[in-house]
Amino acid sequence: MRRFFIFIIVFYDLCCFNPHLLWAGPSLEEEMKAMKEQFAAMQAKMSVYEKRIADLEDQLAKRSAQTTPPVAAASNRLIPAKWTPEIGVVADTVLKLTSSKKDVEGNNRLSLRELELVFGSNVDPFSRLDTTISFSDSESPSLEEAYLTRFGLPLNTTARIGKFKPKVGKVLGTHRDSLDTVDEPLVIQRYFGSEGMNKAGVDFTKILDFPLPVTQQVVFGVIQGGNGDGGTAFGTTGKAPTIYGHLKNYKDLSDTMGLEVGTSYMAGSKDENPNFDSQIWAIDATLTKHLNANQDIKLQGEVFNLDRKKTVNADGNLWGAYGLLDFHFKPQWSAGFRYDYVQLVDNPVTNPHEVDYGETGYLTFYQSEFARWRAQYTHTTLATGKNDNTVYLQGTFAIGDHKHKLQ
């Protein structure tokens, strides 16, 4: 086939520069003689072209051998890409200095508060598996998350099944390394747990297509009952399930301003009986304003109403909230303030409506997308009448493919 194309090229070349080949003279003998001469010339040129092509092929083969490392080529053959998941590591180190006399985890020491190993990969075109294994210098390793996400279900819904953080409000479903502050707001710590909640269950998410000038998303889920570490909103048993729902609404108010408003509902058992006698209603709002290419402001807040019916030491209708202001004033710097307020469940003091409240200020330096430093001061007034002053110095670092962004 190669010789055929060379023949065509040479023939075209000869015809262009020898037009008398196409317009033969009147004598047949002269014509035959001219054709023999042309064919001889054609064969000579074909030999030259074949040699040039062979030389070019040899040069290309040598260059390919020089630019392709044999180790990498062998590695690609031994480990197919489809068997290699996305792997990342997120390390969170915290120095905590506090006026509290309690010798609890992290007080007055530098600790590796959490190290997360993150694995994730597409199972097939319809689903994805994500897992997070957590380590700490003061706790045993634990499975923080492990869930399958299934896309493209009927009614254009997406499902998660496994162990995960519930999509309720803004902070409860957020990992610590993605928070604006070192710790969670007091209402999250007191009602749901010191690190929020991670429960086994299933939930469904759908983008609503109503003809409204807002983007809407609805979530409904069923998870294992109980609280996170230290939470009090629900009981301690995991037998009775907890149900939850969340409706998120987002609208661009202008080219530089956006508003997100959400409503949430949770219901579960406050004891071992499988009754939905502990209910939570919540509303969250986030307003973002981009001042210029390097500056933006965020206002965020959540309000929770916890109704646990009638309890022994309290009336069971409690409130908790927080408000946060974050100012990203330079490309790598941000500062903010958070106010906390929460009424306690089964308050041990005489007045059941005494509250914990606190003020928090922080300064964050984003060294890069994968490294962040933060200094924070928190003053907490406890329901017991005591005060707690805490200084945090935090460093958060990530390597590999990680889904928990640091900014």
Protein backbone atom coordinates (compact mmCIF):
# COMPACT_ATOMS: atom_id res chain seq x y z
CA MET A 1 0.00 0.00 0.00
CA ARG A 2 2.86 2.36 0.77
CA ARG A 3 4.44 1.68 -2.62
CA PHE A 4 1.13 2.41 -4.30
CA PHE A 5 0.90 5.87 -2.72
CA ILE A 6 4.51 6.58 -3.59
CA PHE A 7 3.76 5.60 -7.18
CA ILE A 8 0.84 8.02 -7.32
CA ILE A 9 2.97 10.87 -5.90
CA VAL A 10 5.81 10.27 -8.32
CA PHE A 11 3.44 9.91 -11.24
CA TYR A 12 1.80 13.23 -10.36
CA ASP A 13 5.23 14.85 -10.06
CA LEU A 14 6.34 13.62 -13.41
CA CYS A 15 3.12 14.61 -15.13
CA CYS A 16 3.25 18.12 -13.73
CA PHE A 17 6.79 18.72 -14.94
CA ASN A 18 6.40 16.68 -18.15
CA PRO A 19 3.09 17.66 -19.71
CA HIS A 20 3.95 15.95 -22.97
CA LEU A 21 3.35 12.64 -21.17
CA LEU A 22 -0.37 13.45 -21.12
CA TRP A 23 -0.36 15.03 -24.52
CA ALA A 24 1.53 12.49 -26.52
CA GLY A 25 3.14 13.30 -29.85
CA PRO A 26 1.94 12.03 -33.16
CA SER A 27 4.41 9.05 -33.37
CA LEU A 28 3.65 5.87 -31.41
CA GLU A 29 7.32 4.83 -31.28
CA GLU A 30 8.32 8.21 -29.90
CA GLU A 31 5.51 7.94 -27.36
CA MET A 32 6.62 4.48 -26.21
CA LYS A 33 10.23 5.65 -25.92
CA ALA A 34 9.18 8.66 -23.84
CA MET A 35 7.06 6.45 -21.54
CA LYS A 36 9.99 4.06 -20.93
CA GLU A 37 12.20 6.98 -19.98
CA GLN A 38 9.52 8.31 -17.64
CA PHE A 39 9.03 4.93 -15.95
CA ALA A 40 12.76 4.59 -15.42
CA ALA A 41 12.86 8.00 -13.82
CA MET A 42 9.82 7.11 -11.73
CA GLN A 43 11.45 3.95 -10.38
CA ALA A 44 14.56 5.91 -9.45
CA LYS A 45 12.51 8.48 -7.53
CA MET A 46 10.51 5.75 -5.81
CA SER A 47 13.73 4.25 -4.49
CA VAL A 48 14.82 7.63 -3.12
CA TYR A 49 11.42 8.21 -1.42
CA GLU A 50 11.39 4.73 0.10
CA LYS A 51 14.83 5.33 1.63
CA ARG A 52 13.71 8.68 3.07
CA ILE A 53 10.59 7.14 4.63
CA ALA A 54 12.61 4.31 6.16
CA ASP A 55 15.05 6.82 7.67
CA LEU A 56 12.18 8.84 9.16
CA GLU A 57 10.61 5.73 10.71
CA ASP A 58 13.94 4.82 12.33
CA GLN A 59 14.29 8.33 13.79
CA LEU A 60 10.76 8.26 15.22
CA ALA A 61 11.36 4.86 16.81
CA LYS A 62 14.57 6.10 18.48
CA ARG A 63 12.88 9.25 19.84
CA SER A 64 9.96 7.23 21.23
CA ALA A 65 12.33 4.88 23.03
CA GLN A 66 14.19 7.83 24.57
CA THR A 67 11.08 9.72 25.83
CA THR A 68 9.14 6.71 27.27
CA PRO A 69 10.66 5.50 30.57
CA PRO A 70 10.59 1.71 30.63
CA VAL A 71 9.71 1.67 34.35
CA ALA A 72 6.66 3.88 33.84
CA ALA A 73 5.54 1.80 30.87
CA ALA A 74 5.84 -1.39 32.91
CA SER A 75 4.04 0.25 35.83
CA ASN A 76 1.14 1.24 33.61
CA ARG A 77 0.82 -2.30 32.41
CA LEU A 78 0.96 -3.81 35.90
CA ILE A 79 -1.48 -1.40 37.61
CA PRO A 80 -4.46 -0.47 35.42
CA ALA A 81 -5.89 2.96 36.20
CA LYS A 82 -9.36 1.53 36.78
CA TRP A 83 -8.09 -0.28 39.91
CA THR A 84 -6.45 2.81 41.46
CA PRO A 85 -8.82 4.87 43.68
CA GLU A 86 -8.43 8.55 44.51
CA ILE A 87 -6.42 8.70 47.74
CA GLY A 88 -5.86 11.66 50.03
CA VAL A 89 -4.70 12.49 53.54
CA VAL A 90 -5.93 15.43 55.63
CA ALA A 91 -4.08 16.19 58.88
CA ASP A 92 -5.51 18.56 61.53
CA THR A 93 -3.14 19.61 64.33
CA VAL A 94 -4.36 21.82 67.20
CA LEU A 95 -2.66 23.52 70.12
CA LYS A 96 -5.36 24.20 72.74
CA LEU A 97 -4.69 26.38 75.78
CA THR A 98 -7.64 26.75 78.15
CA SER A 99 -8.45 28.08 81.58
CA SER A 100 -10.54 24.97 82.28
CA LYS A 101 -9.15 22.69 84.97
CA LYS A 102 -10.63 19.58 83.37
CA ASP A 103 -8.13 17.13 81.93
CA VAL A 104 -10.14 16.30 78.84
CA GLU A 105 -9.04 15.52 75.33
CA GLY A 106 -6.82 18.21 73.83
CA ASN A 107 -6.75 20.58 76.80
CA ASN A 108 -3.44 22.44 77.30
CA ARG A 109 -1.49 20.40 74.78
CA LEU A 110 -0.55 20.10 71.14
CA SER A 111 -2.30 17.18 69.54
CA LEU A 112 -3.01 15.59 66.21
CA ARG A 113 -6.72 16.10 66.62
CA GLU A 114 -7.57 14.18 63.50
CA LEU A 115 -5.92 12.55 60.51
CA GLU A 116 -8.28 11.46 57.76
CA LEU A 117 -7.51 8.89 55.09
CA VAL A 118 -9.86 9.59 52.20
CA PHE A 119 -10.55 7.01 49.50
CA GLY A 120 -12.96 7.44 46.62
CA SER A 121 -13.61 6.15 43.12
CA ASN A 122 -16.35 5.58 40.60
CA VAL A 123 -17.72 2.05 40.87
CA ASP A 124 -19.33 2.25 37.45
CA PRO A 125 -21.00 4.99 35.34
CA PHE A 126 -23.94 5.02 37.77
CA SER A 127 -22.34 5.03 41.24
CA ARG A 128 -19.38 6.14 43.35
CA LEU A 129 -17.90 4.88 46.63
CA ASP A 130 -16.35 7.29 49.19
CA THR A 131 -14.76 6.37 52.51
CA THR A 132 -13.06 8.32 55.30
CA ILE A 133 -11.04 6.61 58.05
CA SER A 134 -10.15 8.82 61.01
CA PHE A 135 -7.10 8.55 63.29
CA SER A 136 -6.16 10.56 66.39
CA ASP A 137 -3.39 10.57 68.97
CA SER A 138 -5.99 10.19 71.74
CA GLU A 139 -8.64 7.93 70.18
CA SER A 140 -8.78 4.58 68.43
CA PRO A 141 -9.11 4.57 64.64
CA SER A 142 -12.70 4.85 63.47
CA LEU A 143 -14.70 4.65 60.28
CA GLU A 144 -15.98 8.19 59.85
CA GLU A 145 -17.73 7.74 56.51
CA ALA A 146 -18.30 4.95 53.99
CA TYR A 147 -21.13 5.36 51.55
CA LEU A 148 -22.18 4.59 48.01
CA THR A 149 -23.69 7.38 45.92
CA ARG A 150 -26.11 6.19 43.22
CA PHE A 151 -26.88 8.65 40.42
CA GLY A 152 -29.68 8.78 37.89
CA LEU A 153 -32.46 7.14 39.88
CA PRO A 154 -36.13 7.60 38.91
CA LEU A 155 -37.41 11.19 39.18
CA ASN A 156 -33.78 12.34 38.71
CA THR A 157 -32.86 11.62 42.33
CA THR A 158 -29.47 10.77 43.83
CA ALA A 159 -29.17 8.34 46.74
CA ARG A 160 -26.53 7.69 49.40
CA ILE A 161 -26.36 4.49 51.42
CA GLY A 162 -23.84 3.71 54.15
CA LYS A 163 -22.40 5.86 56.93
CA PHE A 164 -22.27 9.63 56.40
CA LYS A 165 -22.99 13.08 57.82
CA PRO A 166 -26.66 14.08 57.42
CA LYS A 167 -27.41 17.03 55.15
CA VAL A 168 -29.09 19.18 57.77
CA GLY A 169 -28.35 22.90 57.89
CA LYS A 170 -24.85 24.16 57.12
CA VAL A 171 -22.43 22.94 59.80
CA LEU A 172 -23.82 19.52 60.78
CA GLY A 173 -22.94 18.03 57.40
CA THR A 174 -19.52 19.73 57.13
CA HIS A 175 -16.15 18.19 57.95
CA ARG A 176 -13.97 19.98 60.49
CA ASP A 177 -11.28 20.88 57.96
CA SER A 178 -13.91 22.79 55.94
CA LEU A 179 -15.20 24.89 58.85
CA ASP A 180 -14.58 28.62 59.16
CA THR A 181 -13.56 28.13 62.82
CA VAL A 182 -11.47 25.58 64.71
CA ASP A 183 -14.49 24.07 66.46
CA GLU A 184 -18.19 23.61 65.79
CA PRO A 185 -20.74 26.13 67.17
CA LEU A 186 -21.97 25.35 70.69
CA VAL A 187 -25.47 24.43 69.51
CA ILE A 188 -23.99 21.70 67.29
CA GLN A 189 -21.73 20.42 70.07
CA ARG A 190 -24.43 20.37 72.75
CA TYR A 191 -27.33 18.95 70.71
CA PHE A 192 -25.61 16.63 68.20
CA GLY A 193 -22.10 15.94 69.48
CA SER A 194 -18.63 17.45 69.76
CA GLU A 195 -17.96 16.59 66.10
CA GLY A 196 -21.54 16.52 64.87
CA MET A 197 -23.06 13.23 63.71
CA ASN A 198 -21.90 10.32 61.53
CA LYS A 199 -24.63 7.72 61.19
CA ALA A 200 -25.46 4.75 58.99
CA GLY A 201 -28.53 5.16 56.83
CA VAL A 202 -29.85 6.19 53.44
CA ASP A 203 -30.93 9.51 51.98
CA PHE A 204 -32.27 10.87 48.69
CA THR A 205 -31.48 14.20 47.05
CA LYS A 206 -33.37 15.89 44.22
CA ILE A 207 -33.08 19.21 42.43
CA LEU A 208 -36.57 20.70 42.10
CA ASP A 209 -37.70 21.98 38.71
CA PHE A 210 -40.39 24.41 39.80
CA PRO A 211 -40.73 27.56 37.65
CA LEU A 212 -39.34 29.81 40.38
CA PRO A 213 -36.47 32.34 40.25
CA VAL A 214 -34.52 30.25 42.78
CA THR A 215 -32.52 27.02 42.70
CA GLN A 216 -34.04 24.44 45.05
CA GLN A 217 -32.79 21.14 46.44
CA VAL A 218 -34.65 18.76 48.75
CA VAL A 219 -33.14 15.96 50.86
CA PHE A 220 -34.90 13.20 52.80
CA GLY A 221 -33.07 10.60 54.88
CA VAL A 222 -33.35 7.87 57.50
CA ILE A 223 -30.35 7.22 59.74
CA GLN A 224 -29.48 5.24 62.84
CA GLY A 225 -30.81 6.75 66.07
CA GLY A 226 -28.79 8.36 68.83
CA ASN A 227 -26.35 11.27 68.99
CA GLY A 228 -22.74 11.95 68.27
CA ASP A 229 -20.16 12.04 71.07
CA GLY A 230 -21.65 14.15 73.89
CA GLY A 231 -24.87 15.08 72.07
CA THR A 232 -28.15 15.34 73.96
CA ALA A 233 -30.90 16.01 71.40
CA PHE A 234 -31.79 12.33 71.08
CA GLY A 235 -31.44 9.28 73.31
CA THR A 236 -28.47 6.96 73.57
CA THR A 237 -30.02 3.99 71.78
CA GLY A 238 -29.51 3.33 68.09
CA LYS A 239 -32.47 0.98 67.72
CA ALA A 240 -35.03 3.68 66.95
CA PRO A 241 -34.24 5.48 63.66
CA THR A 242 -33.97 9.21 63.12
CA ILE A 243 -35.57 10.81 60.08
CA TYR A 244 -34.61 14.15 58.58
CA GLY A 245 -35.36 16.46 55.70
CA HIS A 246 -33.79 19.62 54.32
CA LEU A 247 -34.95 22.15 51.73
CA LYS A 248 -32.29 24.47 50.30
CA ASN A 249 -33.09 27.60 48.29
CA TYR A 250 -30.48 29.71 46.51
CA LYS A 251 -30.84 32.94 44.56
CA ASP A 252 -28.39 35.41 43.01
CA LEU A 253 -29.43 38.81 44.31
CA SER A 254 -26.96 40.51 41.96
CA ASP A 255 -23.81 39.73 40.00
CA THR A 256 -21.80 39.93 43.23
CA MET A 257 -24.27 38.81 45.90
CA GLY A 258 -26.00 35.51 46.62
CA LEU A 259 -28.43 34.33 49.29
CA GLU A 260 -29.04 30.76 50.46
CA VAL A 261 -31.88 29.92 52.85
CA GLY A 262 -32.66 26.45 54.14
CA THR A 263 -35.14 24.76 56.44
CA SER A 264 -34.56 21.46 58.22
CA TYR A 265 -36.50 18.91 60.26
CA MET A 266 -35.29 15.98 62.37
CA ALA A 267 -37.26 13.54 64.49
CA GLY A 268 -36.07 10.69 66.69
CA SER A 269 -36.36 9.09 70.09
CA LYS A 270 -35.16 10.69 73.32
CA ASP A 271 -35.01 7.31 75.09
CA GLU A 272 -35.16 3.59 74.30
CA ASN A 273 -38.77 3.73 73.12
CA PRO A 274 -39.11 3.87 69.31
CA ASN A 275 -41.11 7.10 69.33
CA PHE A 276 -40.44 10.35 67.48
CA ASP A 277 -40.71 12.32 70.71
CA SER A 278 -37.63 14.47 70.11
CA GLN A 279 -38.07 16.87 67.20
CA ILE A 280 -35.87 19.61 65.79
CA TRP A 281 -36.89 22.46 63.53
CA ALA A 282 -34.14 24.60 62.08
CA ILE A 283 -33.53 27.41 59.64
CA ASP A 284 -30.22 28.49 58.14
CA ALA A 285 -29.20 31.46 56.00
CA THR A 286 -25.98 32.41 54.23
CA LEU A 287 -25.38 35.72 52.48
CA THR A 288 -22.21 36.13 50.40
CA LYS A 289 -20.98 39.40 48.89
CA HIS A 290 -17.96 39.70 46.56
CA LEU A 291 -16.44 43.13 47.03
CA ASN A 292 -13.73 42.69 44.38
CA ALA A 293 -11.42 40.02 43.00
CA ASN A 294 -9.62 39.62 46.35
CA GLN A 295 -12.25 40.43 48.96
CA ASP A 296 -15.59 38.95 49.98
CA ILE A 297 -17.86 38.86 53.01
CA LYS A 298 -19.99 36.01 54.33
CA LEU A 299 -22.80 36.22 56.87
CA GLN A 300 -24.06 32.86 58.11
CA GLY A 301 -26.42 31.77 60.86
CA GLU A 302 -28.58 28.89 62.06
CA VAL A 303 -31.41 28.69 64.57
CA PHE A 304 -32.55 25.37 66.13
CA ASN A 305 -35.71 24.66 68.09
CA LEU A 306 -35.51 21.40 70.06
CA ASP A 307 -38.82 20.00 71.32
CA ARG A 308 -38.32 16.94 73.55
CA LYS A 309 -41.86 17.01 74.96
CA LYS A 310 -41.91 17.01 78.76
CA THR A 311 -38.76 15.91 80.57
CA VAL A 312 -37.95 15.60 84.25
CA ASN A 313 -35.64 18.61 84.64
CA ALA A 314 -36.71 20.92 81.81
CA ASP A 315 -39.76 21.85 79.79
CA GLY A 316 -38.26 20.27 76.66
CA ASN A 317 -38.77 23.28 74.35
CA LEU A 318 -35.26 24.65 73.89
CA TRP A 319 -33.46 27.01 71.53
CA GLY A 320 -29.95 27.24 70.17
CA ALA A 321 -28.34 29.43 67.54
CA TYR A 322 -25.13 30.90 66.20
CA GLY A 323 -24.18 33.76 63.92
CA LEU A 324 -20.94 34.07 61.95
CA LEU A 325 -19.26 36.92 60.08
CA ASP A 326 -16.29 36.04 57.86
CA PHE A 327 -14.29 38.71 55.98
CA HIS A 328 -11.84 37.50 53.34
CA PHE A 329 -9.84 40.74 53.19
CA LYS A 330 -6.78 39.51 51.23
CA PRO A 331 -6.21 36.60 48.84
CA GLN A 332 -4.61 34.53 51.62
CA TRP A 333 -6.14 36.09 54.72
CA SER A 334 -9.53 36.09 56.40
CA ALA A 335 -10.85 37.07 59.82
CA GLY A 336 -14.17 36.57 61.52
CA PHE A 337 -16.38 36.50 64.57
CA ARG A 338 -18.92 33.94 65.82
CA TYR A 339 -21.57 34.29 68.54
CA ASP A 340 -23.11 31.18 70.17
CA TYR A 341 -26.24 30.66 72.25
CA VAL A 342 -27.75 27.35 73.39
CA GLN A 343 -30.23 26.25 76.04
CA LEU A 344 -29.19 22.95 77.57
CA VAL A 345 -31.03 19.63 77.72
CA ASP A 346 -31.61 18.31 81.27
CA ASN A 347 -29.76 21.28 82.72
CA PRO A 348 -28.27 20.28 86.09
CA VAL A 349 -28.59 23.79 87.56
CA THR A 350 -31.67 25.11 89.33
CA ASN A 351 -32.97 27.29 86.51
CA PRO A 352 -33.55 25.02 83.47
CA HIS A 353 -33.38 28.01 81.11
CA GLU A 354 -29.78 28.89 81.90
CA VAL A 355 -27.69 28.79 78.76
CA ASP A 356 -24.19 28.38 77.42
CA TYR A 357 -23.11 31.27 75.23
CA GLY A 358 -19.82 32.35 73.79
CA GLU A 359 -17.90 34.77 71.63
CA THR A 360 -15.22 33.64 69.18
CA GLY A 361 -12.72 35.62 67.10
CA TYR A 362 -10.32 34.09 64.59
CA LEU A 363 -7.67 34.88 61.98
CA THR A 364 -6.91 32.47 59.10
CA PHE A 365 -3.91 32.33 56.77
CA TYR A 366 -4.32 30.21 53.64
CA GLN A 367 -0.75 29.21 52.79
CA SER A 368 -2.09 27.37 49.74
CA GLU A 369 -5.05 25.24 48.73
CA PHE A 370 -3.48 22.41 50.70
CA ALA A 371 -2.15 24.16 53.82
CA ARG A 372 -3.96 26.47 56.24
CA TRP A 373 -3.08 28.12 59.57
CA ARG A 374 -5.57 29.57 62.07
CA ALA A 375 -5.46 31.39 65.42
CA GLN A 376 -8.66 31.60 67.49
CA TYR A 377 -9.80 32.91 70.85
CA THR A 378 -13.08 31.78 72.45
CA HIS A 379 -14.74 33.05 75.62
CA THR A 380 -17.56 30.80 76.88
CA THR A 381 -19.96 31.57 79.72
CA LEU A 382 -21.32 28.25 81.00
CA ALA A 383 -24.71 27.57 82.54
CA THR A 384 -22.94 26.61 85.75
CA GLY A 385 -21.78 30.20 86.12
CA LYS A 386 -18.15 29.50 85.30
CA ASN A 387 -16.20 31.05 82.42
CA ASP A 388 -13.88 29.30 80.00
CA ASN A 389 -11.23 31.11 77.96
CA THR A 390 -9.54 29.12 75.22
CA VAL A 391 -6.81 29.89 72.69
CA TYR A 392 -6.41 27.66 69.63
CA LEU A 393 -3.56 27.44 67.13
CA GLN A 394 -4.45 25.17 64.24
CA GLY A 395 -2.61 23.81 61.22
CA THR A 396 -4.48 21.82 58.58
CA PHE A 397 -2.67 20.10 55.70
CA ALA A 398 -3.76 17.89 52.82
CA ILE A 399 -2.00 15.75 50.24
CA GLY A 400 -3.26 13.66 47.36
CA ASP A 401 -6.76 13.72 45.91
CA HIS A 402 -9.01 14.95 48.71
CA LYS A 403 -12.64 15.94 48.66
CA HIS A 404 -12.47 18.13 51.80
CA LYS A 405 -11.22 21.51 50.58
CA LEU A 406 -9.30 23.73 52.97
CA GLN A 407 -10.89 26.98 51.74
